Amino acid sequence: EDMDEGYPGELKLKVKYTLNNNNEFKWEFIGNTNKSTIVNITNHTYWNLSGDLENRDIRDHTLQVMAINYLPESVIASNLGPITVGFKKSKLVPLTLANSPVGIIST
């Protein structure tokens, strides 16, 4: 709706979820507006990818964020401080989080 939360334009958003034969999960956000405006879409979905419903941890999970665009690290650092966790390259999640005082920042 135009001026929803103070932003101009009506946003129409599509989300596409894909799981391929290599067990790679991908989601794509595609949005269009009828006026110039800013859009910042995020996702806070969490899954147990092991398929084990009794042992719900992430010790064997790896994560890689293959985003097309990234906020420059200098901008992030000026607001949050030094970046200690990034997932441009695939990493084991628990080892990475153990070394981070603030958690995951997808850079």
PDB file of N, CA and C in Angstrom:
ATOM      1  N   GLU A   1       0.845  -1.166   0.000  1.00  0.00           N
ATOM      2  CA  GLU A   1       0.000   0.000   0.000  1.00  0.00           C
ATOM      3  C   GLU A   1       0.898   1.240   0.000  1.00  0.00           C
ATOM      4  N   ASP A   2       0.546   2.229  -0.786  1.00  0.00           N
ATOM      5  CA  ASP A   2       1.327   3.458  -0.878  1.00  0.00           C
ATOM      6  C   ASP A   2       1.424   4.116   0.495  1.00  0.00           C
ATOM      7  N   MET A   3       2.621   4.511   0.877  1.00  0.00           N
ATOM      8  CA  MET A   3       2.953   5.173   2.139  1.00  0.00           C
ATOM      9  C   MET A   3       2.828   4.250   3.356  1.00  0.00           C
ATOM     10  N   ASP A   4       2.806   2.944   3.144  1.00  0.00           N
ATOM     11  CA  ASP A   4       2.831   1.998   4.262  1.00  0.00           C
ATOM     12  C   ASP A   4       4.139   2.186   5.019  1.00  0.00           C
ATOM     13  N   GLU A   5       4.056   2.382   6.309  1.00  0.00           N
ATOM     14  CA  GLU A   5       5.214   2.645   7.166  1.00  0.00           C
ATOM     15  C   GLU A   5       6.028   3.845   6.679  1.00  0.00           C
ATOM     16  N   GLY A   6       5.370   4.758   5.972  1.00  0.00           N
ATOM     17  CA  GLY A   6       6.009   5.995   5.537  1.00  0.00           C
ATOM     18  C   GLY A   6       6.757   5.920   4.220  1.00  0.00           C
ATOM     19  N   TYR A   7       6.721   4.768   3.530  1.00  0.00           N
ATOM     20  CA  TYR A   7       7.462   4.616   2.276  1.00  0.00           C
ATOM     21  C   TYR A   7       6.528   4.723   1.082  1.00  0.00           C
ATOM     22  N   PRO A   8       6.959   5.469   0.050  1.00  0.00           N
ATOM     23  CA  PRO A   8       6.107   5.619  -1.133  1.00  0.00           C
ATOM     24  C   PRO A   8       6.049   4.342  -1.967  1.00  0.00           C
ATOM     25  N   GLY A   9       4.954   4.189  -2.694  1.00  0.00           N
ATOM     26  CA  GLY A   9       4.816   3.098  -3.650  1.00  0.00           C
ATOM     27  C   GLY A   9       4.187   1.857  -3.064  1.00  0.00           C
ATOM     28  N   GLU A  10       3.604   1.085  -3.959  1.00  0.00           N
ATOM     29  CA  GLU A  10       3.025  -0.207  -3.590  1.00  0.00           C
ATOM     30  C   GLU A  10       4.002  -1.290  -4.008  1.00  0.00           C
ATOM     31  N   LEU A  11       4.430  -2.108  -3.062  1.00  0.00           N
ATOM     32  CA  LEU A  11       5.404  -3.165  -3.324  1.00  0.00           C
ATOM     33  C   LEU A  11       4.688  -4.469  -3.626  1.00  0.00           C
ATOM     34  N   LYS A  12       5.054  -5.071  -4.744  1.00  0.00           N
ATOM     35  CA  LYS A  12       4.605  -6.427  -5.070  1.00  0.00           C
ATOM     36  C   LYS A  12       5.842  -7.300  -4.987  1.00  0.00           C
ATOM     37  N   LEU A  13       5.795  -8.326  -4.157  1.00  0.00           N
ATOM     38  CA  LEU A  13       6.967  -9.143  -3.867  1.00  0.00           C
ATOM     39  C   LEU A  13       6.669 -10.607  -4.144  1.00  0.00           C
ATOM     40  N   LYS A  14       7.628 -11.272  -4.783  1.00  0.00           N
ATOM     41  CA  LYS A  14       7.560 -12.715  -4.995  1.00  0.00           C
ATOM     42  C   LYS A  14       8.787 -13.330  -4.339  1.00  0.00           C
ATOM     43  N   VAL A  15       8.601 -14.501  -3.734  1.00  0.00           N
ATOM     44  CA  VAL A  15       9.710 -15.239  -3.143  1.00  0.00           C
ATOM     45  C   VAL A  15       9.720 -16.624  -3.768  1.00  0.00           C
ATOM     46  N   LYS A  16      10.890 -17.035  -4.238  1.00  0.00           N
ATOM     47  CA  LYS A  16      11.031 -18.352  -4.861  1.00  0.00           C
ATOM     48  C   LYS A  16      12.011 -19.174  -4.037  1.00  0.00           C
ATOM     49  N   TYR A  17      11.572 -20.356  -3.586  1.00  0.00           N
ATOM     50  CA  TYR A  17      12.403 -21.278  -2.822  1.00  0.00           C
ATOM     51  C   TYR A  17      12.768 -22.456  -3.717  1.00  0.00           C
ATOM     52  N   THR A  18      14.053 -22.827  -3.749  1.00  0.00           N
ATOM     53  CA  THR A  18      14.510 -23.930  -4.590  1.00  0.00           C
ATOM     54  C   THR A  18      15.478 -24.803  -3.804  1.00  0.00           C
ATOM     55  N   LEU A  19      15.294 -26.117  -3.899  1.00  0.00           N
ATOM     56  CA  LEU A  19      16.248 -27.088  -3.374  1.00  0.00           C
ATOM     57  C   LEU A  19      16.641 -27.963  -4.551  1.00  0.00           C
ATOM     58  N   ASN A  20      17.934 -27.936  -4.935  1.00  0.00           N
ATOM     59  CA  ASN A  20      18.350 -28.680  -6.122  1.00  0.00           C
ATOM     60  C   ASN A  20      18.908 -30.053  -5.762  1.00  0.00           C
ATOM     61  N   ASN A  21      19.322 -30.802  -6.778  1.00  0.00           N
ATOM     62  CA  ASN A  21      19.822 -32.166  -6.580  1.00  0.00           C
ATOM     63  C   ASN A  21      21.160 -32.219  -5.848  1.00  0.00           C
ATOM     64  N   ASN A  22      21.834 -31.089  -5.696  1.00  0.00           N
ATOM     65  CA  ASN A  22      23.087 -31.019  -4.936  1.00  0.00           C
ATOM     66  C   ASN A  22      22.834 -30.610  -3.487  1.00  0.00           C
ATOM     67  N   ASN A  23      21.569 -30.647  -3.065  1.00  0.00           N
ATOM     68  CA  ASN A  23      21.170 -30.239  -1.710  1.00  0.00           C
ATOM     69  C   ASN A  23      21.520 -28.791  -1.411  1.00  0.00           C
ATOM     70  N   GLU A  24      21.469 -27.949  -2.428  1.00  0.00           N
ATOM     71  CA  GLU A  24      21.691 -26.515  -2.254  1.00  0.00           C
ATOM     72  C   GLU A  24      20.328 -25.838  -2.180  1.00  0.00           C
ATOM     73  N   PHE A  25      20.123 -25.085  -1.118  1.00  0.00           N
ATOM     74  CA  PHE A  25      18.870 -24.358  -0.940  1.00  0.00           C
ATOM     75  C   PHE A  25      19.083 -22.915  -1.360  1.00  0.00           C
ATOM     76  N   LYS A  26      18.126 -22.381  -2.086  1.00  0.00           N
ATOM     77  CA  LYS A  26      18.257 -21.012  -2.587  1.00  0.00           C
ATOM     78  C   LYS A  26      16.902 -20.329  -2.452  1.00  0.00           C
ATOM     79  N   TRP A  27      16.914 -19.065  -2.021  1.00  0.00           N
ATOM     80  CA  TRP A  27      15.691 -18.291  -2.096  1.00  0.00           C
ATOM     81  C   TRP A  27      15.994 -16.985  -2.791  1.00  0.00           C
ATOM     82  N   GLU A  28      15.040 -16.590  -3.631  1.00  0.00           N
ATOM     83  CA  GLU A  28      15.168 -15.367  -4.417  1.00  0.00           C
ATOM     84  C   GLU A  28      13.995 -14.456  -4.083  1.00  0.00           C
ATOM     85  N   PHE A  29      14.296 -13.190  -3.859  1.00  0.00           N
ATOM     86  CA  PHE A  29      13.270 -12.185  -3.632  1.00  0.00           C
ATOM     87  C   PHE A  29      13.210 -11.307  -4.874  1.00  0.00           C
ATOM     88  N   ILE A  30      12.031 -11.144  -5.436  1.00  0.00           N
ATOM     89  CA  ILE A  30      11.855 -10.300  -6.610  1.00  0.00           C
ATOM     90  C   ILE A  30      10.751  -9.309  -6.280  1.00  0.00           C
ATOM     91  N   GLY A  31      11.095  -8.016  -6.278  1.00  0.00           N
ATOM     92  CA  GLY A  31      10.113  -7.008  -5.913  1.00  0.00           C
ATOM     93  C   GLY A  31      10.016  -5.903  -6.941  1.00  0.00           C
ATOM     94  N   ASN A  32       8.820  -5.365  -7.092  1.00  0.00           N
ATOM     95  CA  ASN A  32       8.571  -4.227  -7.973  1.00  0.00           C
ATOM     96  C   ASN A  32       7.682  -3.239  -7.239  1.00  0.00           C
ATOM     97  N   THR A  33       7.915  -1.956  -7.501  1.00  0.00           N
ATOM     98  CA  THR A  33       7.073  -0.914  -6.923  1.00  0.00           C
ATOM     99  C   THR A  33       6.587   0.000  -8.035  1.00  0.00           C
ATOM    100  N   ASN A  34       5.532   0.734  -7.747  1.00  0.00           N
ATOM    101  CA  ASN A  34       5.012   1.674  -8.737  1.00  0.00           C
ATOM    102  C   ASN A  34       5.524   3.094  -8.507  1.00  0.00           C
ATOM    103  N   LYS A  35       6.389   3.290  -7.514  1.00  0.00           N
ATOM    104  CA  LYS A  35       7.039   4.581  -7.250  1.00  0.00           C
ATOM    105  C   LYS A  35       8.466   4.310  -6.796  1.00  0.00           C
ATOM    106  N   SER A  36       9.334   5.290  -6.945  1.00  0.00           N
ATOM    107  CA  SER A  36      10.704   5.153  -6.438  1.00  0.00           C
ATOM    108  C   SER A  36      10.660   5.059  -4.917  1.00  0.00           C
ATOM    109  N   THR A  37      11.319   4.042  -4.384  1.00  0.00           N
ATOM    110  CA  THR A  37      11.331   3.825  -2.939  1.00  0.00           C
ATOM    111  C   THR A  37      12.498   2.913  -2.596  1.00  0.00           C
ATOM    112  N   ILE A  38      12.720   2.687  -1.338  1.00  0.00           N
ATOM    113  CA  ILE A  38      13.746   1.737  -0.922  1.00  0.00           C
ATOM    114  C   ILE A  38      13.071   0.434  -0.498  1.00  0.00           C
ATOM    115  N   VAL A  39      13.784  -0.664  -0.697  1.00  0.00           N
ATOM    116  CA  VAL A  39      13.289  -1.979  -0.298  1.00  0.00           C
ATOM    117  C   VAL A  39      14.456  -2.735   0.306  1.00  0.00           C
ATOM    118  N   ASN A  40      14.252  -3.320   1.467  1.00  0.00           N
ATOM    119  CA  ASN A  40      15.277  -4.112   2.127  1.00  0.00           C
ATOM    120  C   ASN A  40      14.605  -5.367   2.669  1.00  0.00           C
ATOM    121  N   ILE A  41      14.722  -6.461   1.925  1.00  0.00           N
ATOM    122  CA  ILE A  41      14.047  -7.705   2.277  1.00  0.00           C
ATOM    123  C   ILE A  41      15.028  -8.616   3.015  1.00  0.00           C
ATOM    124  N   THR A  42      14.548  -9.296   4.028  1.00  0.00           N
ATOM    125  CA  THR A  42      15.367 -10.257   4.753  1.00  0.00           C
ATOM    126  C   THR A  42      14.532 -11.484   5.078  1.00  0.00           C
ATOM    127  N   ASN A  43      15.175 -12.497   5.592  1.00  0.00           N
ATOM    128  CA  ASN A  43      14.498 -13.736   5.945  1.00  0.00           C
ATOM    129  C   ASN A  43      15.086 -14.236   7.257  1.00  0.00           C
ATOM    130  N   HIS A  44      14.233 -14.617   8.175  1.00  0.00           N
ATOM    131  CA  HIS A  44      14.679 -15.120   9.475  1.00  0.00           C
ATOM    132  C   HIS A  44      14.165 -16.534   9.720  1.00  0.00           C
ATOM    133  N   THR A  45      14.184 -17.358   8.673  1.00  0.00           N
ATOM    134  CA  THR A  45      13.729 -18.738   8.783  1.00  0.00           C
ATOM    135  C   THR A  45      14.874 -19.617   9.259  1.00  0.00           C
ATOM    136  N   TYR A  46      14.576 -20.547  10.145  1.00  0.00           N
ATOM    137  CA  TYR A  46      15.583 -21.472  10.650  1.00  0.00           C
ATOM    138  C   TYR A  46      15.076 -22.899  10.466  1.00  0.00           C
ATOM    139  N   TRP A  47      15.951 -23.793  10.010  1.00  0.00           N
ATOM    140  CA  TRP A  47      15.592 -25.193   9.812  1.00  0.00           C
ATOM    141  C   TRP A  47      16.635 -26.088  10.444  1.00  0.00           C
ATOM    142  N   ASN A  48      16.200 -27.265  10.859  1.00  0.00           N
ATOM    143  CA  ASN A  48      17.123 -28.330  11.238  1.00  0.00           C
ATOM    144  C   ASN A  48      17.397 -29.103   9.957  1.00  0.00           C
ATOM    145  N   LEU A  49      18.522 -28.888   9.340  1.00  0.00           N
ATOM    146  CA  LEU A  49      18.833 -29.474   8.038  1.00  0.00           C
ATOM    147  C   LEU A  49      19.319 -30.911   8.127  1.00  0.00           C
ATOM    148  N   SER A  50      19.521 -31.421   9.326  1.00  0.00           N
ATOM    149  CA  SER A  50      20.017 -32.790   9.458  1.00  0.00           C
ATOM    150  C   SER A  50      18.928 -33.821   9.192  1.00  0.00           C
ATOM    151  N   GLY A  51      17.671 -33.438   9.350  1.00  0.00           N
ATOM    152  CA  GLY A  51      16.575 -34.382   9.218  1.00  0.00           C
ATOM    153  C   GLY A  51      16.373 -35.223  10.463  1.00  0.00           C
ATOM    154  N   ASP A  52      17.203 -35.049  11.462  1.00  0.00           N
ATOM    155  CA  ASP A  52      17.119 -35.790  12.719  1.00  0.00           C
ATOM    156  C   ASP A  52      16.260 -34.981  13.687  1.00  0.00           C
ATOM    157  N   LEU A  53      15.050 -35.455  13.963  1.00  0.00           N
ATOM    158  CA  LEU A  53      14.128 -34.689  14.798  1.00  0.00           C
ATOM    159  C   LEU A  53      14.438 -34.773  16.284  1.00  0.00           C
ATOM    160  N   GLU A  54      15.284 -35.714  16.688  1.00  0.00           N
ATOM    161  CA  GLU A  54      15.616 -35.847  18.108  1.00  0.00           C
ATOM    162  C   GLU A  54      16.890 -35.094  18.474  1.00  0.00           C
ATOM    163  N   ASN A  55      17.862 -35.069  17.597  1.00  0.00           N
ATOM    164  CA  ASN A  55      19.140 -34.401  17.855  1.00  0.00           C
ATOM    165  C   ASN A  55      19.146 -33.094  17.075  1.00  0.00           C
ATOM    166  N   ARG A  56      18.637 -32.032  17.677  1.00  0.00           N
ATOM    167  CA  ARG A  56      18.423 -30.773  16.962  1.00  0.00           C
ATOM    168  C   ARG A  56      19.572 -29.791  17.178  1.00  0.00           C
ATOM    169  N   ASP A  57      20.705 -30.078  16.624  1.00  0.00           N
ATOM    170  CA  ASP A  57      21.808 -29.126  16.719  1.00  0.00           C
ATOM    171  C   ASP A  57      22.392 -28.894  15.331  1.00  0.00           C
ATOM    172  N   ILE A  58      23.375 -28.023  15.270  1.00  0.00           N
ATOM    173  CA  ILE A  58      23.930 -27.645  13.970  1.00  0.00           C
ATOM    174  C   ILE A  58      25.420 -27.955  13.870  1.00  0.00           C
ATOM    175  N   ARG A  59      25.883 -28.928  14.626  1.00  0.00           N
ATOM    176  CA  ARG A  59      27.322 -29.203  14.663  1.00  0.00           C
ATOM    177  C   ARG A  59      27.913 -29.597  13.314  1.00  0.00           C
ATOM    178  N   ASP A  60      27.126 -30.196  12.442  1.00  0.00           N
ATOM    179  CA  ASP A  60      27.655 -30.622  11.146  1.00  0.00           C
ATOM    180  C   ASP A  60      27.215 -29.728   9.997  1.00  0.00           C
ATOM    181  N   HIS A  61      26.554 -28.622  10.290  1.00  0.00           N
ATOM    182  CA  HIS A  61      26.044 -27.756   9.229  1.00  0.00           C
ATOM    183  C   HIS A  61      27.124 -26.794   8.736  1.00  0.00           C
ATOM    184  N   THR A  62      27.149 -26.602   7.428  1.00  0.00           N
ATOM    185  CA  THR A  62      27.985 -25.559   6.839  1.00  0.00           C
ATOM    186  C   THR A  62      27.063 -24.513   6.238  1.00  0.00           C
ATOM    187  N   LEU A  63      27.566 -23.298   6.125  1.00  0.00           N
ATOM    188  CA  LEU A  63      26.775 -22.198   5.590  1.00  0.00           C
ATOM    189  C   LEU A  63      27.632 -21.397   4.628  1.00  0.00           C
ATOM    190  N   GLN A  64      27.026 -21.008   3.513  1.00  0.00           N
ATOM    191  CA  GLN A  64      27.660 -20.087   2.573  1.00  0.00           C
ATOM    192  C   GLN A  64      26.587 -19.137   2.077  1.00  0.00           C
ATOM    193  N   VAL A  65      26.857 -17.833   2.115  1.00  0.00           N
ATOM    194  CA  VAL A  65      25.931 -16.818   1.628  1.00  0.00           C
ATOM    195  C   VAL A  65      26.454 -16.333   0.284  1.00  0.00           C
ATOM    196  N   MET A  66      25.737 -16.694  -0.776  1.00  0.00           N
ATOM    197  CA  MET A  66      26.170 -16.328  -2.128  1.00  0.00           C
ATOM    198  C   MET A  66      25.298 -15.182  -2.629  1.00  0.00           C
ATOM    199  N   ALA A  67      25.347 -14.063  -1.937  1.00  0.00           N
ATOM    200  CA  ALA A  67      24.556 -12.898  -2.317  1.00  0.00           C
ATOM    201  C   ALA A  67      25.199 -12.201  -3.505  1.00  0.00           C
ATOM    202  N   ILE A  68      24.360 -11.642  -4.358  1.00  0.00           N
ATOM    203  CA  ILE A  68      24.860 -10.902  -5.516  1.00  0.00           C
ATOM    204  C   ILE A  68      25.470  -9.581  -5.062  1.00  0.00           C
ATOM    205  N   ASN A  69      24.839  -8.930  -4.099  1.00  0.00           N
ATOM    206  CA  ASN A  69      25.308  -7.643  -3.602  1.00  0.00           C
ATOM    207  C   ASN A  69      25.581  -7.728  -2.109  1.00  0.00           C
ATOM    208  N   TYR A  70      26.594  -7.012  -1.680  1.00  0.00           N
ATOM    209  CA  TYR A  70      26.951  -6.937  -0.269  1.00  0.00           C
ATOM    210  C   TYR A  70      27.093  -5.475   0.116  1.00  0.00           C
ATOM    211  N   LEU A  71      26.716  -5.155   1.335  1.00  0.00           N
ATOM    212  CA  LEU A  71      27.004  -3.843   1.874  1.00  0.00           C
ATOM    213  C   LEU A  71      28.505  -3.767   2.097  1.00  0.00           C
ATOM    214  N   PRO A  72      29.162  -2.707   1.650  1.00  0.00           N
ATOM    215  CA  PRO A  72      30.614  -2.623   1.855  1.00  0.00           C
ATOM    216  C   PRO A  72      30.979  -2.807   3.325  1.00  0.00           C
ATOM    217  N   GLU A  73      32.033  -3.573   3.568  1.00  0.00           N
ATOM    218  CA  GLU A  73      32.429  -3.861   4.945  1.00  0.00           C
ATOM    219  C   GLU A  73      32.755  -2.598   5.722  1.00  0.00           C
ATOM    220  N   SER A  74      33.219  -1.551   5.037  1.00  0.00           N
ATOM    221  CA  SER A  74      33.524  -0.298   5.736  1.00  0.00           C
ATOM    222  C   SER A  74      32.256   0.318   6.322  1.00  0.00           C
ATOM    223  N   VAL A  75      31.120   0.162   5.636  1.00  0.00           N
ATOM    224  CA  VAL A  75      29.850   0.687   6.147  1.00  0.00           C
ATOM    225  C   VAL A  75      29.396  -0.129   7.344  1.00  0.00           C
ATOM    226  N   ILE A  76      29.503  -1.453   7.245  1.00  0.00           N
ATOM    227  CA  ILE A  76      29.115  -2.313   8.362  1.00  0.00           C
ATOM    228  C   ILE A  76      29.999  -2.031   9.569  1.00  0.00           C
ATOM    229  N   ALA A  77      31.298  -1.958   9.347  1.00  0.00           N
ATOM    230  CA  ALA A  77      32.239  -1.741  10.445  1.00  0.00           C
ATOM    231  C   ALA A  77      31.989  -0.411  11.141  1.00  0.00           C
ATOM    232  N   SER A  78      31.591   0.621  10.384  1.00  0.00           N
ATOM    233  CA  SER A  78      31.357   1.919  11.009  1.00  0.00           C
ATOM    234  C   SER A  78      30.141   1.879  11.929  1.00  0.00           C
ATOM    235  N   ASN A  79      29.226   0.926  11.691  1.00  0.00           N
ATOM    236  CA  ASN A  79      28.035   0.813  12.530  1.00  0.00           C
ATOM    237  C   ASN A  79      28.136  -0.283  13.581  1.00  0.00           C
ATOM    238  N   LEU A  80      28.816  -1.373  13.273  1.00  0.00           N
ATOM    239  CA  LEU A  80      28.831  -2.532  14.161  1.00  0.00           C
ATOM    240  C   LEU A  80      30.198  -2.867  14.731  1.00  0.00           C
ATOM    241  N   GLY A  81      31.229  -2.260  14.207  1.00  0.00           N
ATOM    242  CA  GLY A  81      32.572  -2.631  14.618  1.00  0.00           C
ATOM    243  C   GLY A  81      33.148  -3.657  13.665  1.00  0.00           C
ATOM    244  N   PRO A  82      34.293  -4.228  13.992  1.00  0.00           N
ATOM    245  CA  PRO A  82      34.948  -5.175  13.083  1.00  0.00           C
ATOM    246  C   PRO A  82      34.084  -6.405  12.818  1.00  0.00           C
ATOM    247  N   ILE A  83      34.169  -6.914  11.608  1.00  0.00           N
ATOM    248  CA  ILE A  83      33.415  -8.105  11.227  1.00  0.00           C
ATOM    249  C   ILE A  83      34.238  -9.332  11.583  1.00  0.00           C
ATOM    250  N   THR A  84      33.667 -10.198  12.420  1.00  0.00           N
ATOM    251  CA  THR A  84      34.384 -11.406  12.820  1.00  0.00           C
ATOM    252  C   THR A  84      33.811 -12.650  12.172  1.00  0.00           C
ATOM    253  N   VAL A  85      32.588 -12.555  11.653  1.00  0.00           N
ATOM    254  CA  VAL A  85      31.944 -13.709  11.035  1.00  0.00           C
ATOM    255  C   VAL A  85      31.427 -13.318   9.667  1.00  0.00           C
ATOM    256  N   GLY A  86      31.850 -14.022   8.645  1.00  0.00           N
ATOM    257  CA  GLY A  86      31.331 -13.821   7.301  1.00  0.00           C
ATOM    258  C   GLY A  86      31.203 -15.167   6.629  1.00  0.00           C
ATOM    259  N   PHE A  87      30.300 -15.265   5.687  1.00  0.00           N
ATOM    260  CA  PHE A  87      30.058 -16.552   5.043  1.00  0.00           C
ATOM    261  C   PHE A  87      30.131 -16.458   3.521  1.00  0.00           C
ATOM    262  N   LYS A  88      31.034 -15.636   2.987  1.00  0.00           N
ATOM    263  CA  LYS A  88      31.244 -15.632   1.537  1.00  0.00           C
ATOM    264  C   LYS A  88      31.776 -16.984   1.084  1.00  0.00           C
ATOM    265  N   LYS A  89      32.562 -17.622   1.941  1.00  0.00           N
ATOM    266  CA  LYS A  89      33.064 -18.975   1.687  1.00  0.00           C
ATOM    267  C   LYS A  89      32.383 -19.914   2.670  1.00  0.00           C
ATOM    268  N   SER A  90      32.144 -21.143   2.244  1.00  0.00           N
ATOM    269  CA  SER A  90      31.472 -22.134   3.075  1.00  0.00           C
ATOM    270  C   SER A  90      32.273 -22.402   4.350  1.00  0.00           C
ATOM    271  N   LYS A  91      31.576 -22.360   5.507  1.00  0.00           N
ATOM    272  CA  LYS A  91      32.225 -22.584   6.799  1.00  0.00           C
ATOM    273  C   LYS A  91      31.313 -23.415   7.682  1.00  0.00           C
ATOM    274  N   LEU A  92      31.920 -24.185   8.584  1.00  0.00           N
ATOM    275  CA  LEU A  92      31.138 -24.880   9.602  1.00  0.00           C
ATOM    276  C   LEU A  92      30.535 -23.849  10.546  1.00  0.00           C
ATOM    277  N   VAL A  93      29.246 -23.913  10.747  1.00  0.00           N
ATOM    278  CA  VAL A  93      28.554 -22.915  11.558  1.00  0.00           C
ATOM    279  C   VAL A  93      29.040 -22.881  13.004  1.00  0.00           C
ATOM    280  N   PRO A  94      29.100 -24.003  13.739  1.00  0.00           N
ATOM    281  CA  PRO A  94      29.465 -23.901  15.161  1.00  0.00           C
ATOM    282  C   PRO A  94      30.873 -23.390  15.400  1.00  0.00           C
ATOM    283  N   LEU A  95      31.832 -23.764  14.546  1.00  0.00           N
ATOM    284  CA  LEU A  95      33.200 -23.262  14.722  1.00  0.00           C
ATOM    285  C   LEU A  95      33.258 -21.765  14.484  1.00  0.00           C
ATOM    286  N   THR A  96      32.502 -21.295  13.520  1.00  0.00           N
ATOM    287  CA  THR A  96      32.484 -19.871  13.203  1.00  0.00           C
ATOM    288  C   THR A  96      31.827 -19.079  14.322  1.00  0.00           C
ATOM    289  N   LEU A  97      30.704 -19.562  14.831  1.00  0.00           N
ATOM    290  CA  LEU A  97      30.005 -18.853  15.902  1.00  0.00           C
ATOM    291  C   LEU A  97      30.797 -18.835  17.196  1.00  0.00           C
ATOM    292  N   ALA A  98      31.572 -19.875  17.450  1.00  0.00           N
ATOM    293  CA  ALA A  98      32.380 -19.929  18.670  1.00  0.00           C
ATOM    294  C   ALA A  98      33.404 -18.801  18.710  1.00  0.00           C
ATOM    295  N   ASN A  99      33.795 -18.302  17.538  1.00  0.00           N
ATOM    296  CA  ASN A  99      34.788 -17.229  17.455  1.00  0.00           C
ATOM    297  C   ASN A  99      34.157 -15.851  17.315  1.00  0.00           C
ATOM    298  N   SER A 100      32.841 -15.747  17.462  1.00  0.00           N
ATOM    299  CA  SER A 100      32.163 -14.474  17.246  1.00  0.00           C
ATOM    300  C   SER A 100      31.411 -14.023  18.490  1.00  0.00           C
ATOM    301  N   PRO A 101      31.714 -12.823  18.984  1.00  0.00           N
ATOM    302  CA  PRO A 101      30.977 -12.314  20.137  1.00  0.00           C
ATOM    303  C   PRO A 101      29.574 -11.829  19.790  1.00  0.00           C
ATOM    304  N   VAL A 102      29.290 -11.563  18.488  1.00  0.00           N
ATOM    305  CA  VAL A 102      27.992 -10.985  18.111  1.00  0.00           C
ATOM    306  C   VAL A 102      27.131 -11.896  17.259  1.00  0.00           C
ATOM    307  N   GLY A 103      27.598 -13.076  16.873  1.00  0.00           N
ATOM    308  CA  GLY A 103      26.794 -13.974  16.057  1.00  0.00           C
ATOM    309  C   GLY A 103      27.080 -13.814  14.578  1.00  0.00           C
ATOM    310  N   ILE A 104      26.110 -14.204  13.762  1.00  0.00           N
ATOM    311  CA  ILE A 104      26.291 -14.220  12.309  1.00  0.00           C
ATOM    312  C   ILE A 104      25.979 -12.864  11.710  1.00  0.00           C
ATOM    313  N   ILE A 105      26.899 -12.365  10.904  1.00  0.00           N
ATOM    314  CA  ILE A 105      26.667 -11.206  10.050  1.00  0.00           C
ATOM    315  C   ILE A 105      26.997 -11.690   8.652  1.00  0.00           C
ATOM    316  N   SER A 106      26.026 -11.726   7.766  1.00  0.00           N
ATOM    317  CA  SER A 106      26.258 -12.335   6.451  1.00  0.00           C
ATOM    318  C   SER A 106      26.966 -11.365   5.522  1.00  0.00           C
ATOM    319  N   THR A 107      28.289 -11.423   5.521  1.00  0.00           N
ATOM    320  CA  THR A 107      29.089 -10.577   4.645  1.00  0.00           C
ATOM    321  C   THR A 107      29.835 -11.440   3.667  1.00  0.00           C
TER     322      THR A 107
END
